[in-house]
Full PDB file with SEQRES, HELIX, SHEET, SSBOND, CRYST1, ORIGX, SCALE, CONECT and MASTER records, all heavy atoms in Angstrom:
SEQRES   1 A   41  ILE LEU ARG LEU ILE GLN PRO PRO GLY ARG ILE GLU PRO          
SEQRES   2 A   41  GLY SER ARG ILE GLU PHE GLU GLY LYS ASP LEU VAL SER          
SEQRES   3 A   41  LEU GLY ASP GLU GLU ILE ARG HIS ILE ARG GLY ASN ARG          
SEQRES   4 A   41  ILE SER                                                      
HELIX    1 AA1 LEU A   24  SER A   26  5                                   3    
HELIX    2 AA2 ASP A   29  ILE A   35  1                                   7    
SHEET    1 AA1 2 GLU A  18  PHE A  19  0                                        
SHEET    2 AA1 2 LYS A  22  ASP A  23 -1                                        
CRYST1    1.000    1.000    1.000  90.00  90.00  90.00 P 1           1          
ORIGX1      1.000000  0.000000  0.000000        0.00000                         
ORIGX2      0.000000  1.000000  0.000000        0.00000                         
ORIGX3      0.000000  0.000000  1.000000        0.00000                         
SCALE1      1.000000  0.000000  0.000000        0.00000                         
SCALE2      0.000000  1.000000  0.000000        0.00000                         
SCALE3      0.000000  0.000000  1.000000        0.00000                         
ATOM      1  N   ILE A   1       0.841  -1.202   0.000  1.00  0.00           N  
ATOM      2  CA  ILE A   1       0.000   0.000   0.000  1.00  0.00           C  
ATOM      3  C   ILE A   1       0.873   1.248   0.000  1.00  0.00           C  
ATOM      4  O   ILE A   1       0.573   2.245  -0.657  1.00  0.00           O  
ATOM      5  CB  ILE A   1      -0.962  -0.014   1.199  1.00  0.00           C  
ATOM      6  CG1 ILE A   1      -1.977  -1.158   1.057  1.00  0.00           C  
ATOM      7  CG2 ILE A   1      -1.690   1.322   1.341  1.00  0.00           C  
ATOM      8  CD1 ILE A   1      -2.886  -1.343   2.268  1.00  0.00           C  
ATOM      9  N   LEU A   2       1.978   1.197   0.734  1.00  0.00           N  
ATOM     10  CA  LEU A   2       2.889   2.333   0.815  1.00  0.00           C  
ATOM     11  C   LEU A   2       3.907   2.370  -0.335  1.00  0.00           C  
ATOM     12  O   LEU A   2       4.738   3.271  -0.386  1.00  0.00           O  
ATOM     13  CB  LEU A   2       3.643   2.297   2.154  1.00  0.00           C  
ATOM     14  CG  LEU A   2       2.842   2.726   3.379  1.00  0.00           C  
ATOM     15  CD1 LEU A   2       3.565   2.318   4.649  1.00  0.00           C  
ATOM     16  CD2 LEU A   2       2.614   4.227   3.367  1.00  0.00           C  
ATOM     17  N   ARG A   3       3.839   1.376  -1.209  1.00  0.00           N  
ATOM     18  CA  ARG A   3       4.792   1.257  -2.316  1.00  0.00           C  
ATOM     19  C   ARG A   3       6.233   1.195  -1.792  1.00  0.00           C  
ATOM     20  O   ARG A   3       7.128   1.860  -2.300  1.00  0.00           O  
ATOM     21  CB  ARG A   3       4.632   2.424  -3.282  1.00  0.00           C  
ATOM     22  CG  ARG A   3       3.407   2.369  -4.189  1.00  0.00           C  
ATOM     23  CD  ARG A   3       3.686   1.652  -5.490  1.00  0.00           C  
ATOM     24  NE  ARG A   3       4.826   2.249  -6.176  1.00  0.00           N  
ATOM     25  CZ  ARG A   3       4.742   3.320  -6.973  1.00  0.00           C  
ATOM     26  NH1 ARG A   3       3.576   3.906  -7.197  1.00  0.00           N  
ATOM     27  NH2 ARG A   3       5.829   3.801  -7.556  1.00  0.00           N  
ATOM     28  N   LEU A   4       6.449   0.392  -0.760  1.00  0.00           N  
ATOM     29  CA  LEU A   4       7.776   0.242  -0.174  1.00  0.00           C  
ATOM     30  C   LEU A   4       8.387  -1.128  -0.476  1.00  0.00           C  
ATOM     31  O   LEU A   4       9.330  -1.551   0.181  1.00  0.00           O  
ATOM     32  CB  LEU A   4       7.715   0.456   1.344  1.00  0.00           C  
ATOM     33  CG  LEU A   4       7.472   1.899   1.806  1.00  0.00           C  
ATOM     34  CD1 LEU A   4       7.293   1.956   3.315  1.00  0.00           C  
ATOM     35  CD2 LEU A   4       8.613   2.813   1.367  1.00  0.00           C  
ATOM     36  N   ILE A   5       7.832  -1.826  -1.438  1.00  0.00           N  
ATOM     37  CA  ILE A   5       8.374  -3.125  -1.835  1.00  0.00           C  
ATOM     38  C   ILE A   5       9.652  -2.915  -2.636  1.00  0.00           C  
ATOM     39  O   ILE A   5       9.681  -2.141  -3.595  1.00  0.00           O  
ATOM     40  CB  ILE A   5       7.350  -3.917  -2.668  1.00  0.00           C  
ATOM     41  CG1 ILE A   5       6.081  -4.176  -1.843  1.00  0.00           C  
ATOM     42  CG2 ILE A   5       7.949  -5.235  -3.147  1.00  0.00           C  
ATOM     43  CD1 ILE A   5       6.282  -5.013  -0.614  1.00  0.00           C  
ATOM     44  N   GLN A   6      10.710  -3.594  -2.232  1.00  0.00           N  
ATOM     45  CA  GLN A   6      12.006  -3.463  -2.896  1.00  0.00           C  
ATOM     46  C   GLN A   6      12.322  -4.731  -3.696  1.00  0.00           C  
ATOM     47  O   GLN A   6      11.878  -5.819  -3.339  1.00  0.00           O  
ATOM     48  CB  GLN A   6      13.110  -3.235  -1.857  1.00  0.00           C  
ATOM     49  CG  GLN A   6      12.924  -1.966  -1.030  1.00  0.00           C  
ATOM     50  CD  GLN A   6      13.029  -0.710  -1.866  1.00  0.00           C  
ATOM     51  OE1 GLN A   6      13.864  -0.624  -2.763  1.00  0.00           O  
ATOM     52  NE2 GLN A   6      12.163   0.263  -1.596  1.00  0.00           N  
ATOM     53  N   PRO A   7      13.111  -4.609  -4.782  1.00  0.00           N  
ATOM     54  CA  PRO A   7      13.526  -5.797  -5.534  1.00  0.00           C  
ATOM     55  C   PRO A   7      14.226  -6.800  -4.611  1.00  0.00           C  
ATOM     56  O   PRO A   7      14.900  -6.371  -3.664  1.00  0.00           O  
ATOM     57  CB  PRO A   7      14.497  -5.227  -6.575  1.00  0.00           C  
ATOM     58  CG  PRO A   7      14.101  -3.791  -6.712  1.00  0.00           C  
ATOM     59  CD  PRO A   7      13.637  -3.374  -5.347  1.00  0.00           C  
ATOM     60  N   PRO A   8      13.997  -8.102  -4.819  1.00  0.00           N  
ATOM     61  CA  PRO A   8      13.366  -8.714  -5.994  1.00  0.00           C  
ATOM     62  C   PRO A   8      11.847  -8.744  -5.962  1.00  0.00           C  
ATOM     63  O   PRO A   8      11.229  -9.381  -6.795  1.00  0.00           O  
ATOM     64  CB  PRO A   8      13.926 -10.142  -5.952  1.00  0.00           C  
ATOM     65  CG  PRO A   8      14.079 -10.427  -4.492  1.00  0.00           C  
ATOM     66  CD  PRO A   8      14.534  -9.131  -3.884  1.00  0.00           C  
ATOM     67  N   GLY A   9      11.240  -8.044  -4.979  1.00  0.00           N  
ATOM     68  CA  GLY A   9       9.791  -8.009  -4.927  1.00  0.00           C  
ATOM     69  C   GLY A   9       9.220  -6.965  -5.865  1.00  0.00           C  
ATOM     70  O   GLY A   9       9.865  -5.970  -6.181  1.00  0.00           O  
ATOM     71  N   ARG A  10       7.997  -7.197  -6.327  1.00  0.00           N  
ATOM     72  CA  ARG A  10       7.316  -6.204  -7.155  1.00  0.00           C  
ATOM     73  C   ARG A  10       5.812  -6.443  -7.101  1.00  0.00           C  
ATOM     74  O   ARG A  10       5.347  -7.572  -6.875  1.00  0.00           O  
ATOM     75  CB  ARG A  10       7.819  -6.239  -8.589  1.00  0.00           C  
ATOM     76  CG  ARG A  10       7.347  -7.448  -9.396  1.00  0.00           C  
ATOM     77  CD  ARG A  10       7.932  -7.459 -10.799  1.00  0.00           C  
ATOM     78  NE  ARG A  10       7.366  -8.517 -11.614  1.00  0.00           N  
ATOM     79  CZ  ARG A  10       7.991  -9.080 -12.640  1.00  0.00           C  
ATOM     80  NH1 ARG A  10       9.227  -8.699 -12.943  1.00  0.00           N  
ATOM     81  NH2 ARG A  10       7.408 -10.030 -13.355  1.00  0.00           N  
ATOM     82  N   ILE A  11       5.067  -5.358  -7.280  1.00  0.00           N  
ATOM     83  CA  ILE A  11       3.611  -5.450  -7.395  1.00  0.00           C  
ATOM     84  C   ILE A  11       3.297  -5.817  -8.840  1.00  0.00           C  
ATOM     85  O   ILE A  11       3.714  -5.117  -9.779  1.00  0.00           O  
ATOM     86  CB  ILE A  11       2.951  -4.128  -6.990  1.00  0.00           C  
ATOM     87  CG1 ILE A  11       3.276  -3.799  -5.526  1.00  0.00           C  
ATOM     88  CG2 ILE A  11       1.441  -4.193  -7.196  1.00  0.00           C  
ATOM     89  CD1 ILE A  11       2.779  -2.445  -5.067  1.00  0.00           C  
ATOM     90  N   GLU A  12       2.584  -6.905  -9.027  1.00  0.00           N  
ATOM     91  CA  GLU A  12       2.361  -7.453 -10.367  1.00  0.00           C  
ATOM     92  C   GLU A  12       1.316  -6.648 -11.139  1.00  0.00           C  
ATOM     93  O   GLU A  12       0.422  -6.022 -10.554  1.00  0.00           O  
ATOM     94  CB  GLU A  12       1.898  -8.916 -10.259  1.00  0.00           C  
ATOM     95  CG  GLU A  12       2.916  -9.842  -9.634  1.00  0.00           C  
ATOM     96  CD  GLU A  12       4.182  -9.969 -10.469  1.00  0.00           C  
ATOM     97  OE1 GLU A  12       4.068 -10.186 -11.700  1.00  0.00           O  
ATOM     98  OE2 GLU A  12       5.286  -9.843  -9.905  1.00  0.00           O  
ATOM     99  N   PRO A  13       1.416  -6.651 -12.474  1.00  0.00           N  
ATOM    100  CA  PRO A  13       0.416  -5.984 -13.318  1.00  0.00           C  
ATOM    101  C   PRO A  13      -0.985  -6.507 -13.024  1.00  0.00           C  
ATOM    102  O   PRO A  13      -1.178  -7.696 -12.750  1.00  0.00           O  
ATOM    103  CB  PRO A  13       0.860  -6.351 -14.745  1.00  0.00           C  
ATOM    104  CG  PRO A  13       2.326  -6.632 -14.623  1.00  0.00           C  
ATOM    105  CD  PRO A  13       2.510  -7.247 -13.275  1.00  0.00           C  
ATOM    106  N   GLY A  14      -1.954  -5.615 -13.068  1.00  0.00           N  
ATOM    107  CA  GLY A  14      -3.339  -5.971 -12.772  1.00  0.00           C  
ATOM    108  C   GLY A  14      -3.742  -5.668 -11.341  1.00  0.00           C  
ATOM    109  O   GLY A  14      -4.932  -5.626 -11.036  1.00  0.00           O  
ATOM    110  N   SER A  15      -2.758  -5.451 -10.460  1.00  0.00           N  
ATOM    111  CA  SER A  15      -3.050  -5.067  -9.082  1.00  0.00           C  
ATOM    112  C   SER A  15      -3.476  -3.604  -9.045  1.00  0.00           C  
ATOM    113  O   SER A  15      -2.940  -2.768  -9.781  1.00  0.00           O  
ATOM    114  CB  SER A  15      -1.809  -5.254  -8.199  1.00  0.00           C  
ATOM    115  OG  SER A  15      -1.305  -6.565  -8.281  1.00  0.00           O  
ATOM    116  N   ARG A  16      -4.422  -3.274  -8.162  1.00  0.00           N  
ATOM    117  CA  ARG A  16      -4.848  -1.888  -7.992  1.00  0.00           C  
ATOM    118  C   ARG A  16      -4.948  -1.561  -6.502  1.00  0.00           C  
ATOM    119  O   ARG A  16      -5.446  -2.369  -5.715  1.00  0.00           O  
ATOM    120  CB  ARG A  16      -6.202  -1.619  -8.663  1.00  0.00           C  
ATOM    121  CG  ARG A  16      -6.129  -1.595 -10.179  1.00  0.00           C  
ATOM    122  CD  ARG A  16      -7.464  -1.197 -10.794  1.00  0.00           C  
ATOM    123  NE  ARG A  16      -7.844   0.168 -10.469  1.00  0.00           N  
ATOM    124  CZ  ARG A  16      -7.422   1.252 -11.135  1.00  0.00           C  
ATOM    125  NH1 ARG A  16      -6.586   1.114 -12.151  1.00  0.00           N  
ATOM    126  NH2 ARG A  16      -7.818   2.458 -10.787  1.00  0.00           N  
ATOM    127  N   ILE A  17      -4.463  -0.382  -6.141  1.00  0.00           N  
ATOM    128  CA  ILE A  17      -4.624   0.135  -4.789  1.00  0.00           C  
ATOM    129  C   ILE A  17      -5.162   1.551  -4.935  1.00  0.00           C  
ATOM    130  O   ILE A  17      -4.401   2.490  -5.201  1.00  0.00           O  
ATOM    131  CB  ILE A  17      -3.290   0.147  -4.011  1.00  0.00           C  
ATOM    132  CG1 ILE A  17      -2.674  -1.248  -3.985  1.00  0.00           C  
ATOM    133  CG2 ILE A  17      -3.512   0.656  -2.583  1.00  0.00           C  
ATOM    134  CD1 ILE A  17      -1.250  -1.282  -3.434  1.00  0.00           C  
ATOM    135  N   GLU A  18      -6.466   1.704  -4.835  1.00  0.00           N  
ATOM    136  CA  GLU A  18      -7.106   2.993  -5.050  1.00  0.00           C  
ATOM    137  C   GLU A  18      -7.216   3.737  -3.720  1.00  0.00           C  
ATOM    138  O   GLU A  18      -7.742   3.213  -2.739  1.00  0.00           O  
ATOM    139  CB  GLU A  18      -8.479   2.803  -5.679  1.00  0.00           C  
ATOM    140  CG  GLU A  18      -8.412   2.167  -7.070  1.00  0.00           C  
ATOM    141  CD  GLU A  18      -9.784   1.920  -7.679  1.00  0.00           C  
ATOM    142  OE1 GLU A  18     -10.785   2.260  -7.013  1.00  0.00           O  
ATOM    143  OE2 GLU A  18      -9.843   1.371  -8.793  1.00  0.00           O  
ATOM    144  N   PHE A  19      -6.718   4.974  -3.700  1.00  0.00           N  
ATOM    145  CA  PHE A  19      -6.728   5.799  -2.490  1.00  0.00           C  
ATOM    146  C   PHE A  19      -7.079   7.229  -2.873  1.00  0.00           C  
ATOM    147  O   PHE A  19      -6.378   7.835  -3.692  1.00  0.00           O  
ATOM    148  CB  PHE A  19      -5.354   5.749  -1.811  1.00  0.00           C  
ATOM    149  CG  PHE A  19      -5.214   6.700  -0.643  1.00  0.00           C  
ATOM    150  CD1 PHE A  19      -5.825   6.425   0.568  1.00  0.00           C  
ATOM    151  CD2 PHE A  19      -4.472   7.868  -0.772  1.00  0.00           C  
ATOM    152  CE1 PHE A  19      -5.708   7.300   1.634  1.00  0.00           C  
ATOM    153  CE2 PHE A  19      -4.343   8.742   0.286  1.00  0.00           C  
ATOM    154  CZ  PHE A  19      -4.975   8.469   1.498  1.00  0.00           C  
ATOM    155  N   GLU A  20      -8.176   7.712  -2.328  1.00  0.00           N  
ATOM    156  CA  GLU A  20      -8.639   9.073  -2.619  1.00  0.00           C  
ATOM    157  C   GLU A  20      -8.678   9.346  -4.115  1.00  0.00           C  
ATOM    158  O   GLU A  20      -8.249  10.389  -4.609  1.00  0.00           O  
ATOM    159  CB  GLU A  20      -7.762  10.104  -1.896  1.00  0.00           C  
ATOM    160  CG  GLU A  20      -7.869  10.018  -0.372  1.00  0.00           C  
ATOM    161  CD  GLU A  20      -7.087  11.105   0.341  1.00  0.00           C  
ATOM    162  OE1 GLU A  20      -6.077  11.587  -0.222  1.00  0.00           O  
ATOM    163  OE2 GLU A  20      -7.490  11.490   1.463  1.00  0.00           O  
ATOM    164  N   GLY A  21      -9.188   8.356  -4.854  1.00  0.00           N  
ATOM    165  CA  GLY A  21      -9.370   8.524  -6.290  1.00  0.00           C  
ATOM    166  C   GLY A  21      -8.150   8.280  -7.145  1.00  0.00           C  
ATOM    167  O   GLY A  21      -8.213   8.443  -8.369  1.00  0.00           O  
ATOM    168  N   LYS A  22      -7.032   7.879  -6.544  1.00  0.00           N  
ATOM    169  CA  LYS A  22      -5.807   7.629  -7.291  1.00  0.00           C  
ATOM    170  C   LYS A  22      -5.398   6.169  -7.156  1.00  0.00           C  
ATOM    171  O   LYS A  22      -5.566   5.567  -6.097  1.00  0.00           O  
ATOM    172  CB  LYS A  22      -4.670   8.523  -6.796  1.00  0.00           C  
ATOM    173  CG  LYS A  22      -4.915  10.014  -6.963  1.00  0.00           C  
ATOM    174  CD  LYS A  22      -3.749  10.815  -6.426  1.00  0.00           C  
ATOM    175  CE  LYS A  22      -3.974  12.310  -6.610  1.00  0.00           C  
ATOM    176  NZ  LYS A  22      -2.829  13.107  -6.063  1.00  0.00           N  
ATOM    177  N   ASP A  23      -4.850   5.624  -8.240  1.00  0.00           N  
ATOM    178  CA  ASP A  23      -4.294   4.272  -8.196  1.00  0.00           C  
ATOM    179  C   ASP A  23      -2.830   4.378  -7.787  1.00  0.00           C  
ATOM    180  O   ASP A  23      -1.982   4.814  -8.572  1.00  0.00           O  
ATOM    181  CB  ASP A  23      -4.429   3.586  -9.549  1.00  0.00           C  
ATOM    182  CG  ASP A  23      -3.819   2.186  -9.562  1.00  0.00           C  
ATOM    183  OD1 ASP A  23      -3.648   1.615  -8.455  1.00  0.00           O  
ATOM    184  OD2 ASP A  23      -3.506   1.679 -10.649  1.00  0.00           O  
ATOM    185  N   LEU A  24      -2.531   3.986  -6.549  1.00  0.00           N  
ATOM    186  CA  LEU A  24      -1.169   4.140  -6.029  1.00  0.00           C  
ATOM    187  C   LEU A  24      -0.151   3.321  -6.803  1.00  0.00           C  
ATOM    188  O   LEU A  24       1.026   3.686  -6.853  1.00  0.00           O  
ATOM    189  CB  LEU A  24      -1.136   3.754  -4.541  1.00  0.00           C  
ATOM    190  CG  LEU A  24      -2.054   4.537  -3.597  1.00  0.00           C  
ATOM    191  CD1 LEU A  24      -1.806   4.111  -2.149  1.00  0.00           C  
ATOM    192  CD2 LEU A  24      -1.852   6.039  -3.750  1.00  0.00           C  
ATOM    193  N   VAL A  25      -0.582   2.218  -7.392  1.00  0.00           N  
ATOM    194  CA  VAL A  25       0.354   1.351  -8.120  1.00  0.00           C  
ATOM    195  C   VAL A  25       0.941   2.061  -9.333  1.00  0.00           C  
ATOM    196  O   VAL A  25       2.115   1.873  -9.671  1.00  0.00           O  
ATOM    197  CB  VAL A  25      -0.344   0.038  -8.541  1.00  0.00           C  
ATOM    198  CG1 VAL A  25       0.595  -0.836  -9.368  1.00  0.00           C  
ATOM    199  CG2 VAL A  25      -0.833  -0.727  -7.318  1.00  0.00           C  
ATOM    200  N   SER A  26       0.141   2.903  -9.974  1.00  0.00           N  
ATOM    201  CA  SER A  26       0.584   3.535 -11.216  1.00  0.00           C  
ATOM    202  C   SER A  26       1.195   4.920 -11.014  1.00  0.00           C  
ATOM    203  O   SER A  26       1.662   5.535 -11.975  1.00  0.00           O  
ATOM    204  CB  SER A  26      -0.601   3.650 -12.191  1.00  0.00           C  
ATOM    205  OG  SER A  26      -1.621   4.472 -11.637  1.00  0.00           O  
ATOM    206  N   LEU A  27       1.227   5.430  -9.771  1.00  0.00           N  
ATOM    207  CA  LEU A  27       1.772   6.765  -9.528  1.00  0.00           C  
ATOM    208  C   LEU A  27       3.289   6.789  -9.703  1.00  0.00           C  
ATOM    209  O   LEU A  27       3.978   5.802  -9.445  1.00  0.00           O  
ATOM    210  CB  LEU A  27       1.426   7.234  -8.115  1.00  0.00           C  
ATOM    211  CG  LEU A  27      -0.035   7.582  -7.813  1.00  0.00           C  
ATOM    212  CD1 LEU A  27      -0.145   8.138  -6.405  1.00  0.00           C  
ATOM    213  CD2 LEU A  27      -0.596   8.574  -8.821  1.00  0.00           C  
ATOM    214  N   GLY A  28       3.815   7.948 -10.101  1.00  0.00           N  
ATOM    215  CA  GLY A  28       5.257   8.128 -10.182  1.00  0.00           C  
ATOM    216  C   GLY A  28       5.869   8.257  -8.804  1.00  0.00           C  
ATOM    217  O   GLY A  28       5.174   8.451  -7.798  1.00  0.00           O  
ATOM    218  N   ASP A  29       7.199   8.176  -8.745  1.00  0.00           N  
ATOM    219  CA  ASP A  29       7.902   8.202  -7.456  1.00  0.00           C  
ATOM    220  C   ASP A  29       7.640   9.490  -6.682  1.00  0.00           C  
ATOM    221  O   ASP A  29       7.459   9.464  -5.462  1.00  0.00           O  
ATOM    222  CB  ASP A  29       9.408   8.026  -7.690  1.00  0.00           C  
ATOM    223  CG  ASP A  29       9.758   6.637  -8.189  1.00  0.00           C  
ATOM    224  OD1 ASP A  29       8.908   5.738  -8.042  1.00  0.00           O  
ATOM    225  OD2 ASP A  29      10.869   6.456  -8.714  1.00  0.00           O  
ATOM    226  N   GLU A  30       7.626  10.632  -7.372  1.00  0.00           N  
ATOM    227  CA  GLU A  30       7.416  11.907  -6.690  1.00  0.00           C  
ATOM    228  C   GLU A  30       6.017  11.984  -6.095  1.00  0.00           C  
ATOM    229  O   GLU A  30       5.819  12.444  -4.952  1.00  0.00           O  
ATOM    230  CB  GLU A  30       7.635  13.066  -7.667  1.00  0.00           C  
ATOM    231  CG  GLU A  30       7.622  14.431  -7.006  1.00  0.00           C  
ATOM    232  CD  GLU A  30       8.761  14.617  -6.017  1.00  0.00           C  
ATOM    233  OE1 GLU A  30       9.839  14.009  -6.218  1.00  0.00           O  
ATOM    234  OE2 GLU A  30       8.552  15.345  -5.023  1.00  0.00           O  
ATOM    235  N   GLU A  31       5.024  11.514  -6.837  1.00  0.00           N  
ATOM    236  CA  GLU A  31       3.642  11.552  -6.345  1.00  0.00           C  
ATOM    237  C   GLU A  31       3.460  10.646  -5.135  1.00  0.00           C  
ATOM    238  O   GLU A  31       2.803  11.019  -4.162  1.00  0.00           O  
ATOM    239  CB  GLU A  31       2.690  11.126  -7.460  1.00  0.00           C  
ATOM    240  CG  GLU A  31       2.573  12.111  -8.603  1.00  0.00           C  
ATOM    241  CD  GLU A  31       1.668  11.569  -9.694  1.00  0.00           C  
ATOM    242  OE1 GLU A  31       2.118  10.665 -10.447  1.00  0.00           O  
ATOM    243  OE2 GLU A  31       0.522  12.038  -9.809  1.00  0.00           O  
ATOM    244  N   ILE A  32       4.043   9.447  -5.171  1.00  0.00           N  
ATOM    245  CA  ILE A  32       3.862   8.529  -4.050  1.00  0.00           C  
ATOM    246  C   ILE A  32       4.614   9.019  -2.821  1.00  0.00           C  
ATOM    247  O   ILE A  32       4.165   8.826  -1.685  1.00  0.00           O  
ATOM    248  CB  ILE A  32       4.289   7.083  -4.434  1.00  0.00           C  
ATOM    249  CG1 ILE A  32       3.704   6.066  -3.432  1.00  0.00           C  
ATOM    250  CG2 ILE A  32       5.794   6.938  -4.495  1.00  0.00           C  
ATOM    251  CD1 ILE A  32       2.222   5.950  -3.470  1.00  0.00           C  
ATOM    252  N   ARG A  33       5.734   9.709  -3.010  1.00  0.00           N  
ATOM    253  CA  ARG A  33       6.451  10.282  -1.866  1.00  0.00           C  
ATOM    254  C   ARG A  33       5.619  11.365  -1.184  1.00  0.00           C  
ATOM    255  O   ARG A  33       5.686  11.522   0.038  1.00  0.00           O  
ATOM    256  CB  ARG A  33       7.799  10.836  -2.309  1.00  0.00           C  
ATOM    257  CG  ARG A  33       8.908   9.802  -2.364  1.00  0.00           C  
ATOM    258  CD  ARG A  33      10.281  10.450  -2.442  1.00  0.00           C  
ATOM    259  NE  ARG A  33      10.458  11.179  -3.685  1.00  0.00           N  
ATOM    260  CZ  ARG A  33      11.001  10.653  -4.785  1.00  0.00           C  
ATOM    261  NH1 ARG A  33      11.412   9.391  -4.780  1.00  0.00           N  
ATOM    262  NH2 ARG A  33      11.139  11.376  -5.880  1.00  0.00           N  
ATOM    263  N   HIS A  34       4.853  12.102  -1.967  1.00  0.00           N  
ATOM    264  CA  HIS A  34       3.997  13.138  -1.394  1.00  0.00           C  
ATOM    265  C   HIS A  34       2.878  12.527  -0.545  1.00  0.00           C  
ATOM    266  O   HIS A  34       2.503  13.073   0.500  1.00  0.00           O  
ATOM    267  CB  HIS A  34       3.386  14.001  -2.504  1.00  0.00           C  
ATOM    268  CG  HIS A  34       2.423  15.037  -2.000  1.00  0.00           C  
ATOM    269  ND1 HIS A  34       2.839  16.164  -1.328  1.00  0.00           N  
ATOM    270  CD2 HIS A  34       1.059  15.092  -2.046  1.00  0.00           C  
ATOM    271  CE1 HIS A  34       1.785  16.886  -0.989  1.00  0.00           C  
ATOM    272  NE2 HIS A  34       0.694  16.256  -1.414  1.00  0.00           N  
ATOM    273  N   ILE A  35       2.357  11.390  -0.987  1.00  0.00           N  
ATOM    274  CA  ILE A  35       1.280  10.728  -0.250  1.00  0.00           C  
ATOM    275  C   ILE A  35       1.826  10.011   0.980  1.00  0.00           C  
ATOM    276  O   ILE A  35       1.245  10.076   2.072  1.00  0.00           O  
ATOM    277  CB  ILE A  35       0.543   9.736  -1.174  1.00  0.00           C  
ATOM    278  CG1 ILE A  35      -0.245  10.511  -2.237  1.00  0.00           C  
ATOM    279  CG2 ILE A  35      -0.379   8.815  -0.383  1.00  0.00           C  
ATOM    280  CD1 ILE A  35      -0.865   9.638  -3.301  1.00  0.00           C  
ATOM    281  N   ARG A  36       2.962   9.347   0.827  1.00  0.00           N  
ATOM    282  CA  ARG A  36       3.558   8.577   1.912  1.00  0.00           C  
ATOM    283  C   ARG A  36       4.060   9.517   3.014  1.00  0.00           C  
ATOM    284  O   ARG A  36       4.884  10.384   2.774  1.00  0.00           O  
ATOM    285  CB  ARG A  36       4.705   7.736   1.357  1.00  0.00           C  
ATOM    286  CG  ARG A  36       5.268   6.722   2.324  1.00  0.00           C  
ATOM    287  CD  ARG A  36       6.549   6.133   1.765  1.00  0.00           C  
ATOM    288  NE  ARG A  36       6.377   5.496   0.471  1.00  0.00           N  
ATOM    289  CZ  ARG A  36       7.205   5.641  -0.547  1.00  0.00           C  
ATOM    290  NH1 ARG A  36       8.255   6.443  -0.459  1.00  0.00           N  
ATOM    291  NH2 ARG A  36       6.987   5.007  -1.688  1.00  0.00           N  
ATOM    292  N   GLY A  37       3.563   9.354   4.214  1.00  0.00           N  
ATOM    293  CA  GLY A  37       3.948  10.200   5.335  1.00  0.00           C  
ATOM    294  C   GLY A  37       3.064  11.420   5.483  1.00  0.00           C  
ATOM    295  O   GLY A  37       3.030  12.041   6.546  1.00  0.00           O  
ATOM    296  N   ASN A  38       2.352  11.754   4.422  1.00  0.00           N  
ATOM    297  CA  ASN A  38       1.458  12.908   4.452  1.00  0.00           C  
ATOM    298  C   ASN A  38       0.001  12.463   4.565  1.00  0.00           C  
ATOM    299  O   ASN A  38      -0.678  12.789   5.535  1.00  0.00           O  
ATOM    300  CB  ASN A  38       1.671  13.753   3.183  1.00  0.00           C  
ATOM    301  CG  ASN A  38       0.952  15.075   3.237  1.00  0.00           C  
ATOM    302  OD1 ASN A  38       0.375  15.443   4.252  1.00  0.00           O  
ATOM    303  ND2 ASN A  38       0.972  15.810   2.138  1.00  0.00           N  
ATOM    304  N   ARG A  39      -0.460  11.695   3.565  1.00  0.00           N  
ATOM    305  CA  ARG A  39      -1.841  11.192   3.577  1.00  0.00           C  
ATOM    306  C   ARG A  39      -1.928   9.768   4.116  1.00  0.00           C  
ATOM    307  O   ARG A  39      -2.963   9.352   4.603  1.00  0.00           O  
ATOM    308  CB  ARG A  39      -2.425  11.247   2.160  1.00  0.00           C  
ATOM    309  CG  ARG A  39      -2.459  12.631   1.546  1.00  0.00           C  
ATOM    310  CD  ARG A  39      -3.330  13.575   2.376  1.00  0.00           C  
ATOM    311  NE  ARG A  39      -4.725  13.121   2.395  1.00  0.00           N  
ATOM    312  CZ  ARG A  39      -5.551  13.351   3.412  1.00  0.00           C  
ATOM    313  NH1 ARG A  39      -5.132  13.991   4.481  1.00  0.00           N  
ATOM    314  NH2 ARG A  39      -6.796  12.926   3.345  1.00  0.00           N  
ATOM    315  N   ILE A  40      -0.860   8.995   3.969  1.00  0.00           N  
ATOM    316  CA  ILE A  40      -0.794   7.641   4.537  1.00  0.00           C  
ATOM    317  C   ILE A  40       0.494   7.547   5.339  1.00  0.00           C  
ATOM    318  O   ILE A  40       1.568   7.898   4.852  1.00  0.00           O  
ATOM    319  CB  ILE A  40      -0.778   6.549   3.446  1.00  0.00           C  
ATOM    320  CG1 ILE A  40      -1.985   6.671   2.509  1.00  0.00           C  
ATOM    321  CG2 ILE A  40      -0.768   5.164   4.086  1.00  0.00           C  
ATOM    322  CD1 ILE A  40      -1.954   5.690   1.353  1.00  0.00           C  
ATOM    323  N   SER A  41       0.403   7.082   6.573  1.00  0.00           N  
ATOM    324  CA  SER A  41       1.605   6.908   7.389  1.00  0.00           C  
ATOM    325  C   SER A  41       1.582   5.534   8.041  1.00  0.00           C  
ATOM    326  O   SER A  41       0.567   4.839   8.008  1.00  0.00           O  
ATOM    327  CB  SER A  41       1.712   8.001   8.459  1.00  0.00           C  
ATOM    328  OG  SER A  41       0.590   7.967   9.313  1.00  0.00           O  
TER     329      SER A  41                                                      
MASTER        0    0    0    2    2    0    0    6  328    1    0    4          
END                                                                             
């Protein structure tokens, strides 16, 4: 949910994590950093 999975782990295609209208899986690194610690902790 926090997009903190590190290699060799990965979230597989077809997975969705919808939060406040956004799919966290498809967000860029900058966008997820803004959410992490701010909107989700």
